[in-house]
Amino acid sequence: MQKDSKIYVAGHRGMVGSAIVRELQRQGYTNIITRTHAELDLTRQDQVERFFAEERPEYVFLAAAKVGGIVANQSALADFMYENMMLEMNVIHAAWKNGCKKLEFLGSSCIYPRLAPQPMKEDCLLTSALEPTNEAYALAKISGLKYCEYLNRQYGTDFISLMPTNLYGPNDNYHPTHSHVLPALIRRFHEAKEQGLKEVTCWGDGSPLREFLYVDDLANLCVFLMENYSGNETVNAGSGKEITIKGLTELVAKVVGYEGAILWDTSKPNGTPRKLLDVSKSAAMGWTAQTSLEDGIRLAYADFLSNPMRAER
């Protein structure tokens, strides 16, 4: 990409999209195109085709998605599949149709089988069953990355895909029931501290292992891959380090300053027992994550405190 290349970031108001915009600006890119949902509904094919025909972006970062945690995924299976499938197909198809030089599609590590060998390599995709709690979202993301691959194979496009692990950081979603585990814990412990609660109850038994990547590290990798990688196989994006949910809760409580007891409701689901990505592919290209989990949580908590609308999201 040239510094004045026309770059469209789809989903620029979300956590990932906003981080990509920050990273592009940090690196001196000056011609970044964005549209709000009110200006452009990506699930509407006619609107997307009109936008691409008029703007003709040279590079596209497809970070737009309908996202949520276990509760959101289980309660809105059809919505998660439909909205993600529609927006992905519309943007990818319009990018190909209008001669986009390169597109980068962002998926999720939930595309990999529930019991995939750990750490999960890119080639374990579609080798066994998915995690049922987010199967609809995973199927949509698999469809998006496969459509990129098929366009490359059939039409010679240069469309790549990136599969991030669990993300967190500035502009995250802190909704009490629709957020992911780390932002949900930040909110829970912050409110517990404010209210003087003596105990906080968390879901499951705390045993699942999870990997987390600070979103600005992901954005740096996104730009790095756009400039340095081409290929049909997806690239994993992770820190290469894991922590138990129990360890995570204790770390978040420490950062937030909550000193009460942490209890566990074992009647609630744990989700996938372990999710660690094999990040050897990005490491071989010379990229590694730079932000430690504790430092990242401190940055995320500072962002949470600075966001007056956090309780509504």
C-alpha atoms as a PDB file:
ATOM      1  CA  MET A   1       0.000   0.000   0.000  1.00  0.00           C
ATOM      2  CA  GLN A   2       1.134   3.533  -0.755  1.00  0.00           C
ATOM      3  CA  LYS A   3       0.620   6.208   1.891  1.00  0.00           C
ATOM      4  CA  ASP A   4      -2.065   7.814  -0.272  1.00  0.00           C
ATOM      5  CA  SER A   5      -3.721   4.556  -1.390  1.00  0.00           C
ATOM      6  CA  LYS A   6      -7.500   4.566  -1.046  1.00  0.00           C
ATOM      7  CA  ILE A   7      -8.207   2.298   1.940  1.00  0.00           C
ATOM      8  CA  TYR A   8     -11.673   1.335   3.144  1.00  0.00           C
ATOM      9  CA  VAL A   9     -12.026   0.121   6.730  1.00  0.00           C
ATOM     10  CA  ALA A  10     -15.390  -1.617   7.133  1.00  0.00           C
ATOM     11  CA  GLY A  11     -16.554  -1.506  10.744  1.00  0.00           C
ATOM     12  CA  HIS A  12     -14.436   1.496  11.759  1.00  0.00           C
ATOM     13  CA  ARG A  13     -16.540   2.236  14.839  1.00  0.00           C
ATOM     14  CA  GLY A  14     -15.980  -1.211  16.344  1.00  0.00           C
ATOM     15  CA  MET A  15     -13.078  -2.213  18.546  1.00  0.00           C
ATOM     16  CA  VAL A  16     -11.079  -3.844  15.730  1.00  0.00           C
ATOM     17  CA  GLY A  17     -11.947  -1.385  12.971  1.00  0.00           C
ATOM     18  CA  SER A  18     -11.139   1.656  15.104  1.00  0.00           C
ATOM     19  CA  ALA A  19      -7.792   0.097  16.039  1.00  0.00           C
ATOM     20  CA  ILE A  20      -6.981  -0.485  12.357  1.00  0.00           C
ATOM     21  CA  VAL A  21      -7.795   3.163  11.585  1.00  0.00           C
ATOM     22  CA  ARG A  22      -5.501   4.267  14.458  1.00  0.00           C
ATOM     23  CA  GLU A  23      -2.698   2.027  13.190  1.00  0.00           C
ATOM     24  CA  LEU A  24      -3.032   3.223   9.589  1.00  0.00           C
ATOM     25  CA  GLN A  25      -2.933   6.835  10.752  1.00  0.00           C
ATOM     26  CA  ARG A  26       0.037   6.093  12.999  1.00  0.00           C
ATOM     27  CA  GLN A  27       1.911   4.694  10.002  1.00  0.00           C
ATOM     28  CA  GLY A  28       1.107   7.733   7.874  1.00  0.00           C
ATOM     29  CA  TYR A  29      -1.688   6.515   5.604  1.00  0.00           C
ATOM     30  CA  THR A  30      -3.773   9.521   4.590  1.00  0.00           C
ATOM     31  CA  ASN A  31      -6.635   8.318   2.383  1.00  0.00           C
ATOM     32  CA  ILE A  32      -8.819   6.245   4.727  1.00  0.00           C
ATOM     33  CA  ILE A  33     -12.504   5.821   3.841  1.00  0.00           C
ATOM     34  CA  THR A  34     -15.123   5.005   6.447  1.00  0.00           C
ATOM     35  CA  ARG A  35     -18.910   4.839   6.591  1.00  0.00           C
ATOM     36  CA  THR A  36     -21.239   4.570   9.576  1.00  0.00           C
ATOM     37  CA  HIS A  37     -24.021   1.989   9.615  1.00  0.00           C
ATOM     38  CA  ALA A  38     -26.520   4.799   9.040  1.00  0.00           C
ATOM     39  CA  GLU A  39     -24.612   5.840   5.910  1.00  0.00           C
ATOM     40  CA  LEU A  40     -24.029   2.320   4.596  1.00  0.00           C
ATOM     41  CA  ASP A  41     -25.850  -0.847   5.693  1.00  0.00           C
ATOM     42  CA  LEU A  42     -23.441  -3.630   4.732  1.00  0.00           C
ATOM     43  CA  THR A  43     -26.218  -6.240   4.840  1.00  0.00           C
ATOM     44  CA  ARG A  44     -27.888  -4.467   1.898  1.00  0.00           C
ATOM     45  CA  GLN A  45     -26.346  -5.616  -1.363  1.00  0.00           C
ATOM     46  CA  ASP A  46     -27.625  -2.642  -3.383  1.00  0.00           C
ATOM     47  CA  GLN A  47     -26.059  -0.141  -0.968  1.00  0.00           C
ATOM     48  CA  VAL A  48     -22.720  -1.963  -0.875  1.00  0.00           C
ATOM     49  CA  GLU A  49     -22.504  -2.280  -4.652  1.00  0.00           C
ATOM     50  CA  ARG A  50     -23.307   1.417  -5.081  1.00  0.00           C
ATOM     51  CA  PHE A  51     -20.667   2.402  -2.537  1.00  0.00           C
ATOM     52  CA  PHE A  52     -17.924   0.314  -4.183  1.00  0.00           C
ATOM     53  CA  ALA A  53     -18.834   1.477  -7.675  1.00  0.00           C
ATOM     54  CA  GLU A  54     -18.636   5.106  -6.581  1.00  0.00           C
ATOM     55  CA  GLU A  55     -15.604   4.987  -4.261  1.00  0.00           C
ATOM     56  CA  ARG A  56     -13.582   2.117  -5.800  1.00  0.00           C
ATOM     57  CA  PRO A  57     -11.269   1.552  -2.801  1.00  0.00           C
ATOM     58  CA  GLU A  58      -7.918  -0.046  -3.627  1.00  0.00           C
ATOM     59  CA  TYR A  59      -7.560  -1.862  -0.301  1.00  0.00           C
ATOM     60  CA  VAL A  60     -10.221  -3.143   2.093  1.00  0.00           C
ATOM     61  CA  PHE A  61      -9.996  -4.202   5.730  1.00  0.00           C
ATOM     62  CA  LEU A  62     -13.205  -6.124   6.465  1.00  0.00           C
ATOM     63  CA  ALA A  63     -13.547  -5.748  10.240  1.00  0.00           C
ATOM     64  CA  ALA A  64     -17.323  -5.264  10.362  1.00  0.00           C
ATOM     65  CA  ALA A  65     -19.275  -8.007  12.145  1.00  0.00           C
ATOM     66  CA  LYS A  66     -22.130  -8.724  14.511  1.00  0.00           C
ATOM     67  CA  VAL A  67     -20.328  -9.982  17.613  1.00  0.00           C
ATOM     68  CA  GLY A  68     -21.105 -11.084  21.175  1.00  0.00           C
ATOM     69  CA  GLY A  69     -20.361 -13.560  23.932  1.00  0.00           C
ATOM     70  CA  ILE A  70     -21.947 -16.930  24.782  1.00  0.00           C
ATOM     71  CA  VAL A  71     -25.316 -15.480  25.852  1.00  0.00           C
ATOM     72  CA  ALA A  72     -25.662 -13.294  22.762  1.00  0.00           C
ATOM     73  CA  ASN A  73     -24.654 -16.116  20.419  1.00  0.00           C
ATOM     74  CA  GLN A  74     -27.034 -18.659  21.965  1.00  0.00           C
ATOM     75  CA  SER A  75     -30.018 -16.293  22.064  1.00  0.00           C
ATOM     76  CA  ALA A  76     -29.690 -14.984  18.499  1.00  0.00           C
ATOM     77  CA  LEU A  77     -28.327 -17.859  16.404  1.00  0.00           C
ATOM     78  CA  ALA A  78     -30.197 -16.914  13.240  1.00  0.00           C
ATOM     79  CA  ASP A  79     -29.315 -13.224  13.535  1.00  0.00           C
ATOM     80  CA  PHE A  80     -25.616 -13.931  13.995  1.00  0.00           C
ATOM     81  CA  MET A  81     -25.506 -16.197  10.960  1.00  0.00           C
ATOM     82  CA  TYR A  82     -27.624 -14.025   8.647  1.00  0.00           C
ATOM     83  CA  GLU A  83     -26.106 -10.627   9.381  1.00  0.00           C
ATOM     84  CA  ASN A  84     -22.506 -11.825   9.253  1.00  0.00           C
ATOM     85  CA  MET A  85     -23.031 -13.895   6.110  1.00  0.00           C
ATOM     86  CA  MET A  86     -24.764 -11.035   4.311  1.00  0.00           C
ATOM     87  CA  LEU A  87     -22.286  -8.289   5.121  1.00  0.00           C
ATOM     88  CA  GLU A  88     -19.257 -10.495   4.376  1.00  0.00           C
ATOM     89  CA  MET A  89     -20.524 -11.715   1.035  1.00  0.00           C
ATOM     90  CA  ASN A  90     -21.668  -8.254  -0.020  1.00  0.00           C
ATOM     91  CA  VAL A  91     -18.338  -6.555   0.760  1.00  0.00           C
ATOM     92  CA  ILE A  92     -16.087  -9.323  -0.584  1.00  0.00           C
ATOM     93  CA  HIS A  93     -18.123  -9.684  -3.782  1.00  0.00           C
ATOM     94  CA  ALA A  94     -18.276  -5.932  -4.409  1.00  0.00           C
ATOM     95  CA  ALA A  95     -14.535  -5.599  -3.778  1.00  0.00           C
ATOM     96  CA  TRP A  96     -13.820  -8.268  -6.409  1.00  0.00           C
ATOM     97  CA  LYS A  97     -16.374  -6.834  -8.839  1.00  0.00           C
ATOM     98  CA  ASN A  98     -14.836  -3.358  -8.622  1.00  0.00           C
ATOM     99  CA  GLY A  99     -11.197  -4.346  -8.980  1.00  0.00           C
ATOM    100  CA  CYS A 100      -9.996  -4.001  -5.390  1.00  0.00           C
ATOM    101  CA  LYS A 101      -6.240  -4.692  -5.294  1.00  0.00           C
ATOM    102  CA  LYS A 102      -6.314  -6.489  -1.967  1.00  0.00           C
ATOM    103  CA  LEU A 103      -8.842  -7.345   0.748  1.00  0.00           C
ATOM    104  CA  GLU A 104      -8.205  -8.594   4.253  1.00  0.00           C
ATOM    105  CA  PHE A 105     -11.010 -10.509   5.958  1.00  0.00           C
ATOM    106  CA  LEU A 106     -11.037 -10.763   9.746  1.00  0.00           C
ATOM    107  CA  GLY A 107     -12.610 -13.853  11.243  1.00  0.00           C
ATOM    108  CA  SER A 108     -12.402 -15.468  14.674  1.00  0.00           C
ATOM    109  CA  SER A 109     -10.634 -18.398  16.285  1.00  0.00           C
ATOM    110  CA  CYS A 110     -14.056 -19.983  16.886  1.00  0.00           C
ATOM    111  CA  ILE A 111     -13.870 -21.206  13.258  1.00  0.00           C
ATOM    112  CA  TYR A 112     -11.676 -24.054  14.508  1.00  0.00           C
ATOM    113  CA  PRO A 113     -13.090 -27.332  15.867  1.00  0.00           C
ATOM    114  CA  ARG A 114     -14.125 -27.431  19.515  1.00  0.00           C
ATOM    115  CA  LEU A 115     -11.612 -30.164  20.313  1.00  0.00           C
ATOM    116  CA  ALA A 116      -8.920 -29.239  17.823  1.00  0.00           C
ATOM    117  CA  PRO A 117      -5.344 -30.243  18.693  1.00  0.00           C
ATOM    118  CA  GLN A 118      -3.702 -27.492  20.757  1.00  0.00           C
ATOM    119  CA  PRO A 119      -2.242 -25.103  19.834  1.00  0.00           C
ATOM    120  CA  MET A 120      -4.554 -24.814  16.829  1.00  0.00           C
ATOM    121  CA  LYS A 121      -2.854 -24.664  13.445  1.00  0.00           C
ATOM    122  CA  GLU A 122      -4.478 -23.023  10.441  1.00  0.00           C
ATOM    123  CA  ASP A 123      -4.864 -26.377   8.671  1.00  0.00           C
ATOM    124  CA  CYS A 124      -7.140 -27.853  11.370  1.00  0.00           C
ATOM    125  CA  LEU A 125     -10.068 -25.921   9.877  1.00  0.00           C
ATOM    126  CA  LEU A 126     -13.092 -28.138   9.084  1.00  0.00           C
ATOM    127  CA  THR A 127     -11.515 -31.299  10.511  1.00  0.00           C
ATOM    128  CA  SER A 128     -14.199 -31.902  13.189  1.00  0.00           C
ATOM    129  CA  ALA A 129     -17.246 -30.408  14.952  1.00  0.00           C
ATOM    130  CA  LEU A 130     -17.473 -26.765  16.044  1.00  0.00           C
ATOM    131  CA  GLU A 131     -18.264 -25.435  19.523  1.00  0.00           C
ATOM    132  CA  PRO A 132     -22.113 -25.469  19.651  1.00  0.00           C
ATOM    133  CA  THR A 133     -22.441 -22.213  21.615  1.00  0.00           C
ATOM    134  CA  ASN A 134     -21.116 -20.094  18.739  1.00  0.00           C
ATOM    135  CA  GLU A 135     -21.574 -22.399  15.771  1.00  0.00           C
ATOM    136  CA  ALA A 136     -23.733 -19.929  13.810  1.00  0.00           C
ATOM    137  CA  TYR A 137     -21.092 -17.190  14.043  1.00  0.00           C
ATOM    138  CA  ALA A 138     -18.316 -19.636  13.189  1.00  0.00           C
ATOM    139  CA  LEU A 139     -20.131 -20.920  10.088  1.00  0.00           C
ATOM    140  CA  ALA A 140     -20.549 -17.367   8.835  1.00  0.00           C
ATOM    141  CA  LYS A 141     -16.862 -16.618   9.341  1.00  0.00           C
ATOM    142  CA  ILE A 142     -15.812 -19.870   7.642  1.00  0.00           C
ATOM    143  CA  SER A 143     -17.963 -18.919   4.670  1.00  0.00           C
ATOM    144  CA  GLY A 144     -16.265 -15.533   4.434  1.00  0.00           C
ATOM    145  CA  LEU A 145     -12.738 -16.870   4.471  1.00  0.00           C
ATOM    146  CA  LYS A 146     -13.631 -19.638   2.019  1.00  0.00           C
ATOM    147  CA  TYR A 147     -15.202 -17.142  -0.377  1.00  0.00           C
ATOM    148  CA  CYS A 148     -11.928 -15.184  -0.322  1.00  0.00           C
ATOM    149  CA  GLU A 149     -10.028 -18.387  -1.077  1.00  0.00           C
ATOM    150  CA  TYR A 150     -12.369 -19.369  -3.902  1.00  0.00           C
ATOM    151  CA  LEU A 151     -12.129 -15.924  -5.529  1.00  0.00           C
ATOM    152  CA  ASN A 152      -8.337 -16.210  -5.408  1.00  0.00           C
ATOM    153  CA  ARG A 153      -8.460 -19.629  -7.026  1.00  0.00           C
ATOM    154  CA  GLN A 154     -11.068 -18.791  -9.658  1.00  0.00           C
ATOM    155  CA  TYR A 155     -10.261 -15.171 -10.495  1.00  0.00           C
ATOM    156  CA  GLY A 156      -6.710 -14.574  -9.257  1.00  0.00           C
ATOM    157  CA  THR A 157      -7.620 -12.027  -6.613  1.00  0.00           C
ATOM    158  CA  ASP A 158      -5.332 -11.222  -3.677  1.00  0.00           C
ATOM    159  CA  PHE A 159      -7.798 -11.634  -0.818  1.00  0.00           C
ATOM    160  CA  ILE A 160      -6.404 -12.823   2.501  1.00  0.00           C
ATOM    161  CA  SER A 161      -7.919 -13.776   5.858  1.00  0.00           C
ATOM    162  CA  LEU A 162      -6.793 -13.375   9.437  1.00  0.00           C
ATOM    163  CA  MET A 163      -8.166 -15.283  12.441  1.00  0.00           C
ATOM    164  CA  PRO A 164      -7.717 -13.446  15.738  1.00  0.00           C
ATOM    165  CA  THR A 165      -7.888 -14.990  19.173  1.00  0.00           C
ATOM    166  CA  ASN A 166      -9.916 -13.321  21.974  1.00  0.00           C
ATOM    167  CA  LEU A 167      -9.487  -9.562  21.634  1.00  0.00           C
ATOM    168  CA  TYR A 168      -9.802  -6.717  24.104  1.00  0.00           C
ATOM    169  CA  GLY A 169      -8.851  -3.058  24.395  1.00  0.00           C
ATOM    170  CA  PRO A 170     -10.101   0.450  23.606  1.00  0.00           C
ATOM    171  CA  ASN A 171     -13.674   0.745  22.309  1.00  0.00           C
ATOM    172  CA  ASP A 172     -14.659  -2.712  23.548  1.00  0.00           C
ATOM    173  CA  ASN A 173     -18.249  -3.736  24.305  1.00  0.00           C
ATOM    174  CA  TYR A 174     -19.000  -3.763  28.038  1.00  0.00           C
ATOM    175  CA  HIS A 175     -22.656  -4.802  27.863  1.00  0.00           C
ATOM    176  CA  PRO A 176     -23.613  -6.824  30.985  1.00  0.00           C
ATOM    177  CA  THR A 177     -24.867  -9.866  29.025  1.00  0.00           C
ATOM    178  CA  HIS A 178     -23.721  -9.419  25.399  1.00  0.00           C
ATOM    179  CA  SER A 179     -20.005  -8.812  25.927  1.00  0.00           C
ATOM    180  CA  HIS A 180     -17.038 -11.184  25.840  1.00  0.00           C
ATOM    181  CA  VAL A 181     -15.373 -12.499  28.966  1.00  0.00           C
ATOM    182  CA  LEU A 182     -12.609  -9.942  29.562  1.00  0.00           C
ATOM    183  CA  PRO A 183     -14.654  -6.732  29.146  1.00  0.00           C
ATOM    184  CA  ALA A 184     -17.507  -8.364  31.061  1.00  0.00           C
ATOM    185  CA  LEU A 185     -15.125  -9.009  33.968  1.00  0.00           C
ATOM    186  CA  ILE A 186     -13.833  -5.434  33.868  1.00  0.00           C
ATOM    187  CA  ARG A 187     -17.365  -4.135  34.217  1.00  0.00           C
ATOM    188  CA  ARG A 188     -18.384  -6.693  36.871  1.00  0.00           C
ATOM    189  CA  PHE A 189     -15.419  -5.976  39.138  1.00  0.00           C
ATOM    190  CA  HIS A 190     -15.615  -2.212  38.632  1.00  0.00           C
ATOM    191  CA  GLU A 191     -19.287  -2.154  39.623  1.00  0.00           C
ATOM    192  CA  ALA A 192     -18.648  -4.548  42.511  1.00  0.00           C
ATOM    193  CA  LYS A 193     -15.899  -2.235  43.800  1.00  0.00           C
ATOM    194  CA  GLU A 194     -18.141   0.835  43.434  1.00  0.00           C
ATOM    195  CA  GLN A 195     -21.019  -0.896  45.234  1.00  0.00           C
ATOM    196  CA  GLY A 196     -18.831  -2.357  47.979  1.00  0.00           C
ATOM    197  CA  LEU A 197     -19.863  -5.943  47.198  1.00  0.00           C
ATOM    198  CA  LYS A 198     -18.131  -8.590  49.281  1.00  0.00           C
ATOM    199  CA  GLU A 199     -18.275 -11.264  46.548  1.00  0.00           C
ATOM    200  CA  VAL A 200     -18.633 -11.675  42.789  1.00  0.00           C
ATOM    201  CA  THR A 201     -19.938 -14.855  41.139  1.00  0.00           C
ATOM    202  CA  CYS A 202     -18.507 -15.878  37.753  1.00  0.00           C
ATOM    203  CA  TRP A 203     -19.716 -18.478  35.249  1.00  0.00           C
ATOM    204  CA  GLY A 204     -18.348 -22.027  35.091  1.00  0.00           C
ATOM    205  CA  ASP A 205     -15.531 -23.393  37.220  1.00  0.00           C
ATOM    206  CA  GLY A 206     -12.677 -21.191  36.007  1.00  0.00           C
ATOM    207  CA  SER A 207     -10.748 -24.051  34.408  1.00  0.00           C
ATOM    208  CA  PRO A 208     -10.942 -23.223  30.652  1.00  0.00           C
ATOM    209  CA  LEU A 209      -7.750 -21.881  29.127  1.00  0.00           C
ATOM    210  CA  ARG A 210      -7.922 -18.773  26.964  1.00  0.00           C
ATOM    211  CA  GLU A 211      -5.540 -16.638  24.927  1.00  0.00           C
ATOM    212  CA  PHE A 212      -5.939 -12.862  24.660  1.00  0.00           C
ATOM    213  CA  LEU A 213      -4.547 -10.298  22.225  1.00  0.00           C
ATOM    214  CA  TYR A 214      -4.586  -6.536  22.755  1.00  0.00           C
ATOM    215  CA  VAL A 215      -6.492  -5.014  19.851  1.00  0.00           C
ATOM    216  CA  ASP A 216      -3.789  -2.501  18.881  1.00  0.00           C
ATOM    217  CA  ASP A 217      -1.365  -5.407  18.484  1.00  0.00           C
ATOM    218  CA  LEU A 218      -3.892  -7.048  16.171  1.00  0.00           C
ATOM    219  CA  ALA A 219      -4.206  -3.838  14.133  1.00  0.00           C
ATOM    220  CA  ASN A 220      -0.443  -3.730  13.714  1.00  0.00           C
ATOM    221  CA  LEU A 221      -0.522  -7.312  12.401  1.00  0.00           C
ATOM    222  CA  CYS A 222      -3.414  -6.464  10.063  1.00  0.00           C
ATOM    223  CA  VAL A 223      -1.385  -3.757   8.339  1.00  0.00           C
ATOM    224  CA  PHE A 224       1.741  -5.944   8.391  1.00  0.00           C
ATOM    225  CA  LEU A 225      -0.062  -8.794   6.610  1.00  0.00           C
ATOM    226  CA  MET A 226      -1.684  -6.476   4.081  1.00  0.00           C
ATOM    227  CA  GLU A 227       1.830  -5.447   3.085  1.00  0.00           C
ATOM    228  CA  ASN A 228       3.663  -8.774   3.478  1.00  0.00           C
ATOM    229  CA  TYR A 229       1.364 -11.764   2.983  1.00  0.00           C
ATOM    230  CA  SER A 230      -0.579 -13.330   0.129  1.00  0.00           C
ATOM    231  CA  GLY A 231      -2.110 -16.805   0.186  1.00  0.00           C
ATOM    232  CA  ASN A 232      -5.265 -18.876   0.379  1.00  0.00           C
ATOM    233  CA  GLU A 233      -4.691 -20.181   3.892  1.00  0.00           C
ATOM    234  CA  THR A 234      -5.738 -17.988   6.791  1.00  0.00           C
ATOM    235  CA  VAL A 235      -3.202 -16.596   9.275  1.00  0.00           C
ATOM    236  CA  ASN A 236      -3.688 -16.936  13.029  1.00  0.00           C
ATOM    237  CA  ALA A 237      -3.405 -13.800  15.144  1.00  0.00           C
ATOM    238  CA  GLY A 238      -2.615 -14.360  18.802  1.00  0.00           C
ATOM    239  CA  SER A 239      -0.207 -13.752  21.646  1.00  0.00           C
ATOM    240  CA  GLY A 240       0.881 -17.389  21.857  1.00  0.00           C
ATOM    241  CA  LYS A 241       0.215 -17.305  25.628  1.00  0.00           C
ATOM    242  CA  GLU A 242      -2.741 -18.653  27.611  1.00  0.00           C
ATOM    243  CA  ILE A 243      -4.292 -18.213  31.026  1.00  0.00           C
ATOM    244  CA  THR A 244      -7.109 -19.949  32.897  1.00  0.00           C
ATOM    245  CA  ILE A 245     -10.366 -18.055  33.270  1.00  0.00           C
ATOM    246  CA  LYS A 246      -9.743 -18.221  37.029  1.00  0.00           C
ATOM    247  CA  GLY A 247      -6.343 -16.608  36.552  1.00  0.00           C
ATOM    248  CA  LEU A 248      -7.877 -13.995  34.296  1.00  0.00           C
ATOM    249  CA  THR A 249     -10.563 -13.062  36.815  1.00  0.00           C
ATOM    250  CA  GLU A 250      -7.952 -12.649  39.535  1.00  0.00           C
ATOM    251  CA  LEU A 251      -5.806 -10.468  37.249  1.00  0.00           C
ATOM    252  CA  VAL A 252      -8.761  -8.247  36.253  1.00  0.00           C
ATOM    253  CA  ALA A 253      -9.791  -7.912  39.923  1.00  0.00           C
ATOM    254  CA  LYS A 254      -6.227  -6.869  40.754  1.00  0.00           C
ATOM    255  CA  VAL A 255      -6.098  -4.239  38.011  1.00  0.00           C
ATOM    256  CA  VAL A 256      -9.547  -2.862  38.884  1.00  0.00           C
ATOM    257  CA  GLY A 257      -8.768  -2.882  42.607  1.00  0.00           C
ATOM    258  CA  TYR A 258     -11.559  -5.228  43.722  1.00  0.00           C
ATOM    259  CA  GLU A 259     -10.621  -7.040  46.933  1.00  0.00           C
ATOM    260  CA  GLY A 260     -13.739  -9.172  47.615  1.00  0.00           C
ATOM    261  CA  ALA A 261     -14.250 -12.924  47.146  1.00  0.00           C
ATOM    262  CA  ILE A 262     -14.624 -14.568  43.727  1.00  0.00           C
ATOM    263  CA  LEU A 263     -17.162 -17.422  43.595  1.00  0.00           C
ATOM    264  CA  TRP A 264     -17.976 -19.840  40.730  1.00  0.00           C
ATOM    265  CA  ASP A 265     -21.387 -20.962  39.433  1.00  0.00           C
ATOM    266  CA  THR A 266     -20.638 -24.414  38.031  1.00  0.00           C
ATOM    267  CA  SER A 267     -24.197 -24.766  36.683  1.00  0.00           C
ATOM    268  CA  LYS A 268     -23.240 -22.302  33.929  1.00  0.00           C
ATOM    269  CA  PRO A 269     -21.333 -23.423  30.785  1.00  0.00           C
ATOM    270  CA  ASN A 270     -17.576 -23.200  30.493  1.00  0.00           C
ATOM    271  CA  GLY A 271     -17.501 -23.100  26.696  1.00  0.00           C
ATOM    272  CA  THR A 272     -14.545 -24.604  24.839  1.00  0.00           C
ATOM    273  CA  PRO A 273     -12.054 -26.186  27.291  1.00  0.00           C
ATOM    274  CA  ARG A 274      -8.982 -24.706  25.612  1.00  0.00           C
ATOM    275  CA  LYS A 275      -8.377 -22.260  22.766  1.00  0.00           C
ATOM    276  CA  LEU A 276      -4.765 -21.500  21.938  1.00  0.00           C
ATOM    277  CA  LEU A 277      -3.724 -20.535  18.442  1.00  0.00           C
ATOM    278  CA  ASP A 278      -0.522 -21.712  16.811  1.00  0.00           C
ATOM    279  CA  VAL A 279       1.087 -18.387  15.841  1.00  0.00           C
ATOM    280  CA  SER A 280       4.211 -19.836  14.237  1.00  0.00           C
ATOM    281  CA  LYS A 281       3.178 -18.584  10.777  1.00  0.00           C
ATOM    282  CA  SER A 282       3.103 -14.897  11.782  1.00  0.00           C
ATOM    283  CA  ALA A 283       6.211 -15.399  13.938  1.00  0.00           C
ATOM    284  CA  ALA A 284       8.078 -16.834  10.942  1.00  0.00           C
ATOM    285  CA  MET A 285       7.223 -13.630   9.050  1.00  0.00           C
ATOM    286  CA  GLY A 286       8.797 -11.604  11.855  1.00  0.00           C
ATOM    287  CA  TRP A 287       5.742 -10.494  13.836  1.00  0.00           C
ATOM    288  CA  THR A 288       5.001 -11.011  17.543  1.00  0.00           C
ATOM    289  CA  ALA A 289       2.569  -9.344  19.951  1.00  0.00           C
ATOM    290  CA  GLN A 290       4.109  -6.593  22.089  1.00  0.00           C
ATOM    291  CA  THR A 291       1.548  -5.887  24.853  1.00  0.00           C
ATOM    292  CA  SER A 292       1.509  -8.040  27.996  1.00  0.00           C
ATOM    293  CA  LEU A 293      -1.891  -9.136  29.316  1.00  0.00           C
ATOM    294  CA  GLU A 294      -1.631  -7.115  32.527  1.00  0.00           C
ATOM    295  CA  ASP A 295      -0.514  -3.972  30.677  1.00  0.00           C
ATOM    296  CA  GLY A 296      -3.306  -4.466  28.157  1.00  0.00           C
ATOM    297  CA  ILE A 297      -5.938  -4.861  30.870  1.00  0.00           C
ATOM    298  CA  ARG A 298      -4.714  -1.636  32.487  1.00  0.00           C
ATOM    299  CA  LEU A 299      -5.072   0.178  29.172  1.00  0.00           C
ATOM    300  CA  ALA A 300      -8.518  -1.365  28.614  1.00  0.00           C
ATOM    301  CA  TYR A 301      -9.676  -0.389  32.105  1.00  0.00           C
ATOM    302  CA  ALA A 302      -8.485   3.176  31.562  1.00  0.00           C
ATOM    303  CA  ASP A 303     -10.522   3.260  28.352  1.00  0.00           C
ATOM    304  CA  PHE A 304     -13.541   1.848  30.200  1.00  0.00           C
ATOM    305  CA  LEU A 305     -13.290   4.609  32.808  1.00  0.00           C
ATOM    306  CA  SER A 306     -13.042   7.277  30.106  1.00  0.00           C
ATOM    307  CA  ASN A 307     -16.191   6.075  28.298  1.00  0.00           C
ATOM    308  CA  PRO A 308     -19.312   7.646  29.847  1.00  0.00           C
ATOM    309  CA  MET A 309     -21.592   5.445  27.698  1.00  0.00           C
ATOM    310  CA  ARG A 310     -20.043   2.162  28.832  1.00  0.00           C
ATOM    311  CA  ALA A 311     -23.130   1.106  30.795  1.00  0.00           C
ATOM    312  CA  GLU A 312     -25.310   1.287  27.679  1.00  0.00           C
ATOM    313  CA  ARG A 313     -23.123  -0.794  25.363  1.00  0.00           C
END
